[in-house]
PDB file of N, CA and C in Angstrom:
ATOM      1  N   MET A   1      -4.248 -60.790 -33.192  1.00  0.00           N
ATOM      2  CA  MET A   1      -4.491 -60.207 -34.502  1.00  0.00           C
ATOM      3  C   MET A   1      -3.499 -59.074 -34.741  1.00  0.00           C
ATOM      4  N   ARG A   2      -2.890 -59.085 -35.885  1.00  0.00           N
ATOM      5  CA  ARG A   2      -1.915 -58.067 -36.246  1.00  0.00           C
ATOM      6  C   ARG A   2      -2.603 -56.753 -36.599  1.00  0.00           C
ATOM      7  N   HIS A   3      -2.070 -55.648 -36.099  1.00  0.00           N
ATOM      8  CA  HIS A   3      -2.628 -54.320 -36.386  1.00  0.00           C
ATOM      9  C   HIS A   3      -2.094 -53.826 -37.727  1.00  0.00           C
ATOM     10  N   ARG A   4      -3.008 -53.425 -38.603  1.00  0.00           N
ATOM     11  CA  ARG A   4      -2.623 -52.864 -39.895  1.00  0.00           C
ATOM     12  C   ARG A   4      -3.011 -51.393 -39.936  1.00  0.00           C
ATOM     13  N   PRO A   5      -2.270 -50.557 -40.693  1.00  0.00           N
ATOM     14  CA  PRO A   5      -2.624 -49.132 -40.794  1.00  0.00           C
ATOM     15  C   PRO A   5      -4.045 -48.916 -41.292  1.00  0.00           C
ATOM     16  N   ALA A   6      -4.535 -49.800 -42.160  1.00  0.00           N
ATOM     17  CA  ALA A   6      -5.884 -49.631 -42.705  1.00  0.00           C
ATOM     18  C   ALA A   6      -6.946 -49.774 -41.628  1.00  0.00           C
ATOM     19  N   ASP A   7      -6.607 -50.412 -40.497  1.00  0.00           N
ATOM     20  CA  ASP A   7      -7.577 -50.569 -39.420  1.00  0.00           C
ATOM     21  C   ASP A   7      -7.984 -49.232 -38.815  1.00  0.00           C
ATOM     22  N   ASP A   8      -7.173 -48.216 -38.992  1.00  0.00           N
ATOM     23  CA  ASP A   8      -7.460 -46.893 -38.450  1.00  0.00           C
ATOM     24  C   ASP A   8      -8.204 -46.008 -39.437  1.00  0.00           C
ATOM     25  N   GLY A   9      -8.595 -46.522 -40.573  1.00  0.00           N
ATOM     26  CA  GLY A   9      -9.267 -45.751 -41.600  1.00  0.00           C
ATOM     27  C   GLY A   9      -8.280 -45.288 -42.647  1.00  0.00           C
ATOM     28  N   ALA A  10      -8.776 -44.618 -43.661  1.00  0.00           N
ATOM     29  CA  ALA A  10      -7.947 -44.238 -44.798  1.00  0.00           C
ATOM     30  C   ALA A  10      -7.092 -43.002 -44.545  1.00  0.00           C
ATOM     31  N   LEU A  11      -7.595 -42.045 -43.818  1.00  0.00           N
ATOM     32  CA  LEU A  11      -6.915 -40.757 -43.739  1.00  0.00           C
ATOM     33  C   LEU A  11      -5.578 -40.741 -43.004  1.00  0.00           C
ATOM     34  N   PRO A  12      -5.297 -41.617 -42.044  1.00  0.00           N
ATOM     35  CA  PRO A  12      -3.962 -41.590 -41.441  1.00  0.00           C
ATOM     36  C   PRO A  12      -2.828 -41.833 -42.439  1.00  0.00           C
ATOM     37  N   ALA A  13      -3.106 -42.466 -43.556  1.00  0.00           N
ATOM     38  CA  ALA A  13      -2.080 -42.721 -44.572  1.00  0.00           C
ATOM     39  C   ALA A  13      -1.914 -41.545 -45.529  1.00  0.00           C
ATOM     40  N   LEU A  14      -2.649 -40.453 -45.303  1.00  0.00           N
ATOM     41  CA  LEU A  14      -2.638 -39.318 -46.225  1.00  0.00           C
ATOM     42  C   LEU A  14      -1.403 -38.447 -46.030  1.00  0.00           C
ATOM     43  N   PRO A  15      -0.516 -38.381 -47.041  1.00  0.00           N
ATOM     44  CA  PRO A  15       0.610 -37.449 -46.947  1.00  0.00           C
ATOM     45  C   PRO A  15       0.137 -36.037 -47.288  1.00  0.00           C
ATOM     46  N   TRP A  16       0.902 -35.030 -46.885  1.00  0.00           N
ATOM     47  CA  TRP A  16       0.481 -33.648 -47.159  1.00  0.00           C
ATOM     48  C   TRP A  16       0.392 -33.402 -48.659  1.00  0.00           C
ATOM     49  N   GLN A  17       1.220 -34.077 -49.450  1.00  0.00           N
ATOM     50  CA  GLN A  17       1.173 -33.916 -50.904  1.00  0.00           C
ATOM     51  C   GLN A  17      -0.160 -34.437 -51.449  1.00  0.00           C
ATOM     52  N   GLY A  18      -0.653 -35.520 -50.861  1.00  0.00           N
ATOM     53  CA  GLY A  18      -1.949 -36.053 -51.271  1.00  0.00           C
ATOM     54  C   GLY A  18      -3.081 -35.111 -50.930  1.00  0.00           C
ATOM     55  N   ALA A  19      -2.994 -34.477 -49.761  1.00  0.00           N
ATOM     56  CA  ALA A  19      -4.004 -33.492 -49.379  1.00  0.00           C
ATOM     57  C   ALA A  19      -3.984 -32.300 -50.334  1.00  0.00           C
ATOM     58  N   LEU A  20      -2.797 -31.884 -50.728  1.00  0.00           N
ATOM     59  CA  LEU A  20      -2.678 -30.778 -51.681  1.00  0.00           C
ATOM     60  C   LEU A  20      -3.294 -31.152 -53.026  1.00  0.00           C
ATOM     61  N   VAL A  21      -3.000 -32.349 -53.510  1.00  0.00           N
ATOM     62  CA  VAL A  21      -3.585 -32.819 -54.775  1.00  0.00           C
ATOM     63  C   VAL A  21      -5.099 -32.856 -54.660  1.00  0.00           C
ATOM     64  N   GLY A  22      -5.625 -33.384 -53.555  1.00  0.00           N
ATOM     65  CA  GLY A  22      -7.073 -33.435 -53.358  1.00  0.00           C
ATOM     66  C   GLY A  22      -7.709 -32.057 -53.373  1.00  0.00           C
ATOM     67  N   ALA A  23      -7.100 -31.114 -52.667  1.00  0.00           N
ATOM     68  CA  ALA A  23      -7.633 -29.747 -52.638  1.00  0.00           C
ATOM     69  C   ALA A  23      -7.599 -29.109 -54.025  1.00  0.00           C
ATOM     70  N   LEU A  24      -6.503 -29.308 -54.747  1.00  0.00           N
ATOM     71  CA  LEU A  24      -6.415 -28.760 -56.109  1.00  0.00           C
ATOM     72  C   LEU A  24      -7.453 -29.393 -57.032  1.00  0.00           C
ATOM     73  N   LEU A  25      -7.682 -30.692 -56.883  1.00  0.00           N
ATOM     74  CA  LEU A  25      -8.703 -31.362 -57.690  1.00  0.00           C
ATOM     75  C   LEU A  25     -10.083 -30.791 -57.417  1.00  0.00           C
ATOM     76  N   ILE A  26     -10.414 -30.621 -56.141  1.00  0.00           N
ATOM     77  CA  ILE A  26     -11.747 -30.133 -55.769  1.00  0.00           C
ATOM     78  C   ILE A  26     -11.963 -28.689 -56.209  1.00  0.00           C
ATOM     79  N   LEU A  27     -10.980 -27.841 -55.955  1.00  0.00           N
ATOM     80  CA  LEU A  27     -11.178 -26.403 -56.141  1.00  0.00           C
ATOM     81  C   LEU A  27     -10.831 -25.872 -57.525  1.00  0.00           C
ATOM     82  N   PHE A  28      -9.903 -26.524 -58.233  1.00  0.00           N
ATOM     83  CA  PHE A  28      -9.443 -25.946 -59.494  1.00  0.00           C
ATOM     84  C   PHE A  28      -9.467 -26.905 -60.682  1.00  0.00           C
ATOM     85  N   ILE A  29      -8.813 -28.045 -60.551  1.00  0.00           N
ATOM     86  CA  ILE A  29      -8.601 -28.914 -61.710  1.00  0.00           C
ATOM     87  C   ILE A  29      -9.903 -29.463 -62.269  1.00  0.00           C
ATOM     88  N   ARG A  30     -10.714 -30.076 -61.419  1.00  0.00           N
ATOM     89  CA  ARG A  30     -11.970 -30.664 -61.904  1.00  0.00           C
ATOM     90  C   ARG A  30     -12.936 -29.604 -62.430  1.00  0.00           C
ATOM     91  N   PRO A  31     -13.149 -28.481 -61.728  1.00  0.00           N
ATOM     92  CA  PRO A  31     -14.039 -27.458 -62.294  1.00  0.00           C
ATOM     93  C   PRO A  31     -13.523 -26.883 -63.617  1.00  0.00           C
ATOM     94  N   ALA A  32     -12.218 -26.653 -63.728  1.00  0.00           N
ATOM     95  CA  ALA A  32     -11.667 -26.106 -64.975  1.00  0.00           C
ATOM     96  C   ALA A  32     -11.831 -27.094 -66.122  1.00  0.00           C
ATOM     97  N   ALA A  33     -11.559 -28.358 -65.859  1.00  0.00           N
ATOM     98  CA  ALA A  33     -11.711 -29.377 -66.902  1.00  0.00           C
ATOM     99  C   ALA A  33     -13.172 -29.518 -67.304  1.00  0.00           C
ATOM    100  N   GLY A  34     -14.077 -29.515 -66.330  1.00  0.00           N
ATOM    101  CA  GLY A  34     -15.501 -29.614 -66.639  1.00  0.00           C
ATOM    102  C   GLY A  34     -16.000 -28.414 -67.423  1.00  0.00           C
ATOM    103  N   PHE A  35     -15.560 -27.230 -67.047  1.00  0.00           N
ATOM    104  CA  PHE A  35     -15.970 -26.013 -67.753  1.00  0.00           C
ATOM    105  C   PHE A  35     -15.454 -26.032 -69.194  1.00  0.00           C
ATOM    106  N   ALA A  36     -14.189 -26.381 -69.363  1.00  0.00           N
ATOM    107  CA  ALA A  36     -13.603 -26.442 -70.711  1.00  0.00           C
ATOM    108  C   ALA A  36     -14.319 -27.477 -71.567  1.00  0.00           C
ATOM    109  N   ASN A  37     -14.712 -28.575 -70.971  1.00  0.00           N
ATOM    110  CA  ASN A  37     -15.408 -29.627 -71.706  1.00  0.00           C
ATOM    111  C   ASN A  37     -16.761 -29.159 -72.221  1.00  0.00           C
ATOM    112  N   LEU A  38     -17.366 -28.204 -71.557  1.00  0.00           N
ATOM    113  CA  LEU A  38     -18.696 -27.722 -71.932  1.00  0.00           C
ATOM    114  C   LEU A  38     -18.672 -26.469 -72.805  1.00  0.00           C
ATOM    115  N   LEU A  39     -17.502 -26.005 -73.204  1.00  0.00           N
ATOM    116  CA  LEU A  39     -17.412 -24.748 -73.960  1.00  0.00           C
ATOM    117  C   LEU A  39     -18.198 -24.760 -75.269  1.00  0.00           C
ATOM    118  N   GLY A  40     -18.296 -25.864 -75.947  1.00  0.00           N
ATOM    119  CA  GLY A  40     -19.037 -25.918 -77.210  1.00  0.00           C
ATOM    120  C   GLY A  40     -20.513 -26.199 -77.046  1.00  0.00           C
ATOM    121  N   SER A  41     -20.995 -26.289 -75.825  1.00  0.00           N
ATOM    122  CA  SER A  41     -22.399 -26.634 -75.596  1.00  0.00           C
ATOM    123  C   SER A  41     -23.297 -25.408 -75.721  1.00  0.00           C
ATOM    124  N   ARG A  42     -24.594 -25.645 -75.701  1.00  0.00           N
ATOM    125  CA  ARG A  42     -25.572 -24.553 -75.768  1.00  0.00           C
ATOM    126  C   ARG A  42     -25.763 -23.851 -74.427  1.00  0.00           C
ATOM    127  N   ALA A  43     -25.214 -24.420 -73.381  1.00  0.00           N
ATOM    128  CA  ALA A  43     -25.378 -23.860 -72.038  1.00  0.00           C
ATOM    129  C   ALA A  43     -24.683 -22.502 -71.935  1.00  0.00           C
ATOM    130  N   ASP A  44     -25.290 -21.606 -71.159  1.00  0.00           N
ATOM    131  CA  ASP A  44     -24.630 -20.319 -70.929  1.00  0.00           C
ATOM    132  C   ASP A  44     -23.507 -20.505 -69.909  1.00  0.00           C
ATOM    133  N   ALA A  45     -22.762 -19.460 -69.637  1.00  0.00           N
ATOM    134  CA  ALA A  45     -21.591 -19.546 -68.771  1.00  0.00           C
ATOM    135  C   ALA A  45     -21.961 -20.012 -67.362  1.00  0.00           C
ATOM    136  N   ARG A  46     -23.088 -19.525 -66.825  1.00  0.00           N
ATOM    137  CA  ARG A  46     -23.499 -19.929 -65.475  1.00  0.00           C
ATOM    138  C   ARG A  46     -23.833 -21.415 -65.426  1.00  0.00           C
ATOM    139  N   GLU A  47     -24.560 -21.898 -66.425  1.00  0.00           N
ATOM    140  CA  GLU A  47     -24.902 -23.324 -66.468  1.00  0.00           C
ATOM    141  C   GLU A  47     -23.651 -24.187 -66.606  1.00  0.00           C
ATOM    142  N   ARG A  48     -22.712 -23.745 -67.430  1.00  0.00           N
ATOM    143  CA  ARG A  48     -21.450 -24.492 -67.580  1.00  0.00           C
ATOM    144  C   ARG A  48     -20.691 -24.522 -66.252  1.00  0.00           C
ATOM    145  N   LEU A  49     -20.660 -23.398 -65.566  1.00  0.00           N
ATOM    146  CA  LEU A  49     -19.940 -23.324 -64.294  1.00  0.00           C
ATOM    147  C   LEU A  49     -20.577 -24.243 -63.244  1.00  0.00           C
ATOM    148  N   VAL A  50     -21.885 -24.192 -63.114  1.00  0.00           N
ATOM    149  CA  VAL A  50     -22.577 -25.035 -62.140  1.00  0.00           C
ATOM    150  C   VAL A  50     -22.366 -26.516 -62.468  1.00  0.00           C
ATOM    151  N   THR A  51     -22.478 -26.867 -63.737  1.00  0.00           N
ATOM    152  CA  THR A  51     -22.262 -28.258 -64.144  1.00  0.00           C
ATOM    153  C   THR A  51     -20.825 -28.683 -63.890  1.00  0.00           C
ATOM    154  N   ALA A  52     -19.882 -27.810 -64.173  1.00  0.00           N
ATOM    155  CA  ALA A  52     -18.468 -28.142 -63.971  1.00  0.00           C
ATOM    156  C   ALA A  52     -18.139 -28.327 -62.500  1.00  0.00           C
ATOM    157  N   VAL A  53     -18.677 -27.473 -61.659  1.00  0.00           N
ATOM    158  CA  VAL A  53     -18.369 -27.538 -60.223  1.00  0.00           C
ATOM    159  C   VAL A  53     -19.119 -28.672 -59.544  1.00  0.00           C
ATOM    160  N   PHE A  54     -20.380 -28.890 -59.903  1.00  0.00           N
ATOM    161  CA  PHE A  54     -21.199 -29.883 -59.217  1.00  0.00           C
ATOM    162  C   PHE A  54     -21.369 -31.172 -60.003  1.00  0.00           C
ATOM    163  N   GLY A  55     -20.640 -31.337 -61.095  1.00  0.00           N
ATOM    164  CA  GLY A  55     -20.768 -32.526 -61.932  1.00  0.00           C
ATOM    165  C   GLY A  55     -20.439 -33.809 -61.190  1.00  0.00           C
ATOM    166  N   ILE A  56     -20.712 -34.920 -61.843  1.00  0.00           N
ATOM    167  CA  ILE A  56     -20.526 -36.238 -61.239  1.00  0.00           C
ATOM    168  C   ILE A  56     -19.052 -36.492 -60.976  1.00  0.00           C
ATOM    169  N   ARG A  57     -18.769 -36.971 -59.806  1.00  0.00           N
ATOM    170  CA  ARG A  57     -17.416 -37.393 -59.408  1.00  0.00           C
ATOM    171  C   ARG A  57     -17.551 -38.270 -58.184  1.00  0.00           C
ATOM    172  N   GLY A  58     -16.640 -38.332 -57.303  1.00  0.00           N
ATOM    173  CA  GLY A  58     -16.764 -39.030 -56.034  1.00  0.00           C
ATOM    174  C   GLY A  58     -16.922 -40.524 -56.140  1.00  0.00           C
ATOM    175  N   ILE A  59     -18.154 -40.971 -56.330  1.00  0.00           N
ATOM    176  CA  ILE A  59     -18.420 -42.402 -56.392  1.00  0.00           C
ATOM    177  C   ILE A  59     -17.655 -43.023 -57.553  1.00  0.00           C
ATOM    178  N   GLY A  60     -17.566 -42.326 -58.652  1.00  0.00           N
ATOM    179  CA  GLY A  60     -16.787 -42.828 -59.786  1.00  0.00           C
ATOM    180  C   GLY A  60     -15.317 -42.992 -59.425  1.00  0.00           C
ATOM    181  N   SER A  61     -14.786 -42.056 -58.660  1.00  0.00           N
ATOM    182  CA  SER A  61     -13.390 -42.151 -58.223  1.00  0.00           C
ATOM    183  C   SER A  61     -13.179 -43.372 -57.346  1.00  0.00           C
ATOM    184  N   LEU A  62     -14.103 -43.612 -56.442  1.00  0.00           N
ATOM    185  CA  LEU A  62     -14.008 -44.780 -55.568  1.00  0.00           C
ATOM    186  C   LEU A  62     -14.103 -46.068 -56.380  1.00  0.00           C
ATOM    187  N   PHE A  63     -15.004 -46.087 -57.343  1.00  0.00           N
ATOM    188  CA  PHE A  63     -15.153 -47.272 -58.192  1.00  0.00           C
ATOM    189  C   PHE A  63     -13.879 -47.546 -58.983  1.00  0.00           C
ATOM    190  N   HIS A  64     -13.356 -46.510 -59.622  1.00  0.00           N
ATOM    191  CA  HIS A  64     -12.154 -46.701 -60.449  1.00  0.00           C
ATOM    192  C   HIS A  64     -10.958 -47.137 -59.614  1.00  0.00           C
ATOM    193  N   LEU A  65     -10.808 -46.582 -58.430  1.00  0.00           N
ATOM    194  CA  LEU A  65      -9.714 -47.004 -57.564  1.00  0.00           C
ATOM    195  C   LEU A  65      -9.887 -48.462 -57.149  1.00  0.00           C
ATOM    196  N   ALA A  66     -11.095 -48.828 -56.734  1.00  0.00           N
ATOM    197  CA  ALA A  66     -11.352 -50.216 -56.331  1.00  0.00           C
ATOM    198  C   ALA A  66     -11.102 -51.166 -57.495  1.00  0.00           C
ATOM    199  N   TYR A  67     -11.520 -50.780 -58.681  1.00  0.00           N
ATOM    200  CA  TYR A  67     -11.299 -51.619 -59.860  1.00  0.00           C
ATOM    201  C   TYR A  67      -9.808 -51.788 -60.127  1.00  0.00           C
ATOM    202  N   ALA A  68      -9.067 -50.696 -60.107  1.00  0.00           N
ATOM    203  CA  ALA A  68      -7.625 -50.759 -60.373  1.00  0.00           C
ATOM    204  C   ALA A  68      -6.909 -51.612 -59.337  1.00  0.00           C
ATOM    205  N   LEU A  69      -7.249 -51.430 -58.068  1.00  0.00           N
ATOM    206  CA  LEU A  69      -6.587 -52.195 -57.013  1.00  0.00           C
ATOM    207  C   LEU A  69      -6.987 -53.674 -57.049  1.00  0.00           C
ATOM    208  N   GLY A  70      -8.192 -53.945 -57.503  1.00  0.00           N
ATOM    209  CA  GLY A  70      -8.671 -55.322 -57.562  1.00  0.00           C
ATOM    210  C   GLY A  70      -8.213 -56.094 -58.773  1.00  0.00           C
ATOM    211  N   HIS A  71      -7.775 -55.390 -59.812  1.00  0.00           N
ATOM    212  CA  HIS A  71      -7.411 -56.059 -61.059  1.00  0.00           C
ATOM    213  C   HIS A  71      -5.930 -56.014 -61.381  1.00  0.00           C
ATOM    214  N   SER A  72      -5.138 -55.467 -60.494  1.00  0.00           N
ATOM    215  CA  SER A  72      -3.699 -55.400 -60.740  1.00  0.00           C
ATOM    216  C   SER A  72      -2.973 -55.308 -59.409  1.00  0.00           C
ATOM    217  N   ASP A  73      -1.820 -55.935 -59.350  1.00  0.00           N
ATOM    218  CA  ASP A  73      -1.005 -55.798 -58.145  1.00  0.00           C
ATOM    219  C   ASP A  73       0.036 -54.691 -58.313  1.00  0.00           C
ATOM    220  N   ARG A  74      -0.050 -53.994 -59.415  1.00  0.00           N
ATOM    221  CA  ARG A  74       0.903 -52.928 -59.739  1.00  0.00           C
ATOM    222  C   ARG A  74       0.899 -51.802 -58.708  1.00  0.00           C
ATOM    223  N   PHE A  75      -0.245 -51.577 -58.087  1.00  0.00           N
ATOM    224  CA  PHE A  75      -0.387 -50.445 -57.164  1.00  0.00           C
ATOM    225  C   PHE A  75      -0.370 -50.865 -55.696  1.00  0.00           C
ATOM    226  N   ASP A  76      -0.071 -52.111 -55.418  1.00  0.00           N
ATOM    227  CA  ASP A  76      -0.132 -52.612 -54.036  1.00  0.00           C
ATOM    228  C   ASP A  76       0.714 -51.794 -53.069  1.00  0.00           C
ATOM    229  N   ALA A  77       1.894 -51.396 -53.486  1.00  0.00           N
ATOM    230  CA  ALA A  77       2.790 -50.660 -52.592  1.00  0.00           C
ATOM    231  C   ALA A  77       2.218 -49.288 -52.212  1.00  0.00           C
ATOM    232  N   GLN A  78       1.401 -48.718 -53.070  1.00  0.00           N
ATOM    233  CA  GLN A  78       0.842 -47.385 -52.815  1.00  0.00           C
ATOM    234  C   GLN A  78      -0.651 -47.412 -52.519  1.00  0.00           C
ATOM    235  N   ALA A  79      -1.223 -48.590 -52.327  1.00  0.00           N
ATOM    236  CA  ALA A  79      -2.671 -48.720 -52.166  1.00  0.00           C
ATOM    237  C   ALA A  79      -3.216 -47.869 -51.015  1.00  0.00           C
ATOM    238  N   GLU A  80      -2.554 -47.902 -49.862  1.00  0.00           N
ATOM    239  CA  GLU A  80      -3.048 -47.133 -48.716  1.00  0.00           C
ATOM    240  C   GLU A  80      -3.025 -45.633 -48.999  1.00  0.00           C
ATOM    241  N   ARG A  81      -1.957 -45.163 -49.618  1.00  0.00           N
ATOM    242  CA  ARG A  81      -1.889 -43.724 -49.952  1.00  0.00           C
ATOM    243  C   ARG A  81      -2.938 -43.360 -50.994  1.00  0.00           C
ATOM    244  N   LEU A  82      -3.121 -44.222 -51.991  1.00  0.00           N
ATOM    245  CA  LEU A  82      -4.139 -43.946 -53.006  1.00  0.00           C
ATOM    246  C   LEU A  82      -5.528 -43.889 -52.383  1.00  0.00           C
ATOM    247  N   ARG A  83      -5.837 -44.827 -51.509  1.00  0.00           N
ATOM    248  CA  ARG A  83      -7.134 -44.800 -50.816  1.00  0.00           C
ATOM    249  C   ARG A  83      -7.283 -43.522 -50.004  1.00  0.00           C
ATOM    250  N   ALA A  84      -6.220 -43.112 -49.338  1.00  0.00           N
ATOM    251  CA  ALA A  84      -6.273 -41.903 -48.512  1.00  0.00           C
ATOM    252  C   ALA A  84      -6.522 -40.664 -49.358  1.00  0.00           C
ATOM    253  N   VAL A  85      -5.823 -40.541 -50.477  1.00  0.00           N
ATOM    254  CA  VAL A  85      -5.995 -39.370 -51.341  1.00  0.00           C
ATOM    255  C   VAL A  85      -7.405 -39.336 -51.916  1.00  0.00           C
ATOM    256  N   VAL A  86      -7.906 -40.482 -52.385  1.00  0.00           N
ATOM    257  CA  VAL A  86      -9.259 -40.514 -52.944  1.00  0.00           C
ATOM    258  C   VAL A  86     -10.295 -40.215 -51.861  1.00  0.00           C
ATOM    259  N   ALA A  87     -10.149 -40.810 -50.696  1.00  0.00           N
ATOM    260  CA  ALA A  87     -11.102 -40.538 -49.608  1.00  0.00           C
ATOM    261  C   ALA A  87     -11.053 -39.069 -49.203  1.00  0.00           C
ATOM    262  N   PHE A  88      -9.847 -38.515 -49.087  1.00  0.00           N
ATOM    263  CA  PHE A  88      -9.712 -37.104 -48.723  1.00  0.00           C
ATOM    264  C   PHE A  88     -10.344 -36.208 -49.780  1.00  0.00           C
ATOM    265  N   THR A  89     -10.259 -36.588 -51.028  1.00  0.00           N
ATOM    266  CA  THR A  89     -10.833 -35.782 -52.106  1.00  0.00           C
ATOM    267  C   THR A  89     -12.350 -35.900 -52.137  1.00  0.00           C
ATOM    268  N   VAL A  90     -12.867 -37.093 -51.956  1.00  0.00           N
ATOM    269  CA  VAL A  90     -14.307 -37.319 -52.052  1.00  0.00           C
ATOM    270  C   VAL A  90     -15.056 -36.753 -50.839  1.00  0.00           C
ATOM    271  N   LEU A  91     -14.558 -36.977 -49.639  1.00  0.00           N
ATOM    272  CA  LEU A  91     -15.299 -36.550 -48.450  1.00  0.00           C
ATOM    273  C   LEU A  91     -15.477 -35.033 -48.358  1.00  0.00           C
ATOM    274  N   PRO A  92     -14.411 -34.231 -48.437  1.00  0.00           N
ATOM    275  CA  PRO A  92     -14.634 -32.782 -48.391  1.00  0.00           C
ATOM    276  C   PRO A  92     -15.428 -32.273 -49.591  1.00  0.00           C
ATOM    277  N   SER A  93     -15.246 -32.915 -50.730  1.00  0.00           N
ATOM    278  CA  SER A  93     -16.001 -32.521 -51.914  1.00  0.00           C
ATOM    279  C   SER A  93     -17.498 -32.713 -51.672  1.00  0.00           C
ATOM    280  N   ALA A  94     -17.874 -33.845 -51.109  1.00  0.00           N
ATOM    281  CA  ALA A  94     -19.296 -34.101 -50.829  1.00  0.00           C
ATOM    282  C   ALA A  94     -19.854 -33.090 -49.834  1.00  0.00           C
ATOM    283  N   VAL A  95     -19.094 -32.783 -48.813  1.00  0.00           N
ATOM    284  CA  VAL A  95     -19.542 -31.801 -47.817  1.00  0.00           C
ATOM    285  C   VAL A  95     -19.648 -30.412 -48.449  1.00  0.00           C
ATOM    286  N   LEU A  96     -18.600 -29.989 -49.145  1.00  0.00           N
ATOM    287  CA  LEU A  96     -18.592 -28.672 -49.783  1.00  0.00           C
ATOM    288  C   LEU A  96     -19.743 -28.520 -50.771  1.00  0.00           C
ATOM    289  N   HIS A  97     -19.941 -29.535 -51.590  1.00  0.00           N
ATOM    290  CA  HIS A  97     -21.004 -29.448 -52.586  1.00  0.00           C
ATOM    291  C   HIS A  97     -22.385 -29.568 -51.957  1.00  0.00           C
ATOM    292  N   GLY A  98     -22.490 -30.330 -50.885  1.00  0.00           N
ATOM    293  CA  GLY A  98     -23.768 -30.422 -50.191  1.00  0.00           C
ATOM    294  C   GLY A  98     -24.176 -29.102 -49.560  1.00  0.00           C
ATOM    295  N   VAL A  99     -23.202 -28.392 -49.012  1.00  0.00           N
ATOM    296  CA  VAL A  99     -23.470 -27.118 -48.358  1.00  0.00           C
ATOM    297  C   VAL A  99     -23.768 -26.007 -49.371  1.00  0.00           C
ATOM    298  N   THR A 100     -23.101 -26.041 -50.505  1.00  0.00           N
ATOM    299  CA  THR A 100     -23.236 -24.943 -51.467  1.00  0.00           C
ATOM    300  C   THR A 100     -24.219 -25.219 -52.609  1.00  0.00           C
ATOM    301  N   ALA A 101     -24.738 -26.419 -52.720  1.00  0.00           N
ATOM    302  CA  ALA A 101     -25.622 -26.753 -53.843  1.00  0.00           C
ATOM    303  C   ALA A 101     -26.865 -25.885 -53.895  1.00  0.00           C
ATOM    304  N   SER A 102     -27.434 -25.559 -52.742  1.00  0.00           N
ATOM    305  CA  SER A 102     -28.657 -24.751 -52.749  1.00  0.00           C
ATOM    306  C   SER A 102     -28.415 -23.368 -53.349  1.00  0.00           C
ATOM    307  N   LEU A 103     -27.218 -22.841 -53.195  1.00  0.00           N
ATOM    308  CA  LEU A 103     -26.898 -21.545 -53.812  1.00  0.00           C
ATOM    309  C   LEU A 103     -26.855 -21.649 -55.330  1.00  0.00           C
ATOM    310  N   ALA A 104     -26.396 -22.756 -55.834  1.00  0.00           N
ATOM    311  CA  ALA A 104     -26.236 -22.941 -57.269  1.00  0.00           C
ATOM    312  C   ALA A 104     -27.557 -23.165 -57.975  1.00  0.00           C
ATOM    313  N   VAL A 105     -28.513 -23.777 -57.306  1.00  0.00           N
ATOM    314  CA  VAL A 105     -29.775 -24.077 -57.974  1.00  0.00           C
ATOM    315  C   VAL A 105     -30.847 -23.025 -57.722  1.00  0.00           C
ATOM    316  N   ARG A 106     -30.517 -22.017 -56.974  1.00  0.00           N
ATOM    317  CA  ARG A 106     -31.429 -20.909 -56.719  1.00  0.00           C
ATOM    318  C   ARG A 106     -31.768 -20.218 -58.038  1.00  0.00           C
ATOM    319  N   PRO A 107     -33.034 -19.952 -58.294  1.00  0.00           N
ATOM    320  CA  PRO A 107     -33.378 -19.282 -59.549  1.00  0.00           C
ATOM    321  C   PRO A 107     -32.778 -17.873 -59.616  1.00  0.00           C
ATOM    322  N   ARG A 108     -32.366 -17.512 -60.816  1.00  0.00           N
ATOM    323  CA  ARG A 108     -31.821 -16.160 -61.009  1.00  0.00           C
ATOM    324  C   ARG A 108     -32.974 -15.152 -61.042  1.00  0.00           C
ATOM    325  N   THR A 109     -32.706 -13.977 -60.535  1.00  0.00           N
ATOM    326  CA  THR A 109     -33.721 -12.914 -60.567  1.00  0.00           C
ATOM    327  C   THR A 109     -33.214 -11.788 -61.441  1.00  0.00           C
ATOM    328  N   GLY A 110     -34.117 -11.048 -61.990  1.00  0.00           N
ATOM    329  CA  GLY A 110     -33.734  -9.897 -62.802  1.00  0.00           C
ATOM    330  C   GLY A 110     -33.183 -10.275 -64.159  1.00  0.00           C
ATOM    331  N   THR A 111     -33.632 -11.389 -64.727  1.00  0.00           N
ATOM    332  CA  THR A 111     -33.110 -11.799 -66.030  1.00  0.00           C
ATOM    333  C   THR A 111     -33.869 -11.132 -67.171  1.00  0.00           C
ATOM    334  N   GLY A 112     -34.969 -10.466 -66.844  1.00  0.00           N
ATOM    335  CA  GLY A 112     -35.711  -9.756 -67.866  1.00  0.00           C
ATOM    336  C   GLY A 112     -36.682 -10.622 -68.635  1.00  0.00           C
ATOM    337  N   SER A 113     -36.838 -11.890 -68.267  1.00  0.00           N
ATOM    338  CA  SER A 113     -37.784 -12.733 -69.002  1.00  0.00           C
ATOM    339  C   SER A 113     -39.004 -13.054 -68.205  1.00  0.00           C
TER     340      SER A 113
END
């Protein structure tokens, strides 16, 4: 049986540029885009921030990548790198959000109501 890079999992194909993109997506780009998207809503700044940081992502990214790779051969040459970047982005995001979610949903004290 021929050994393929994918046999070792997704992350060995991750270039440092992909890791940088993943970190920027998790820490800055996605929260900023989510916050900006909620600016016209009735939510206060804290609610917008929590929604922007903890909003839906991850599984959707995996779905969209699988759909794109399954419906076009346009990305075949970069498929392993794309899988690595998406996996690198989703896995730390899930861990980070799992660890910090309890802080975000903690009731506020001293609100005067």
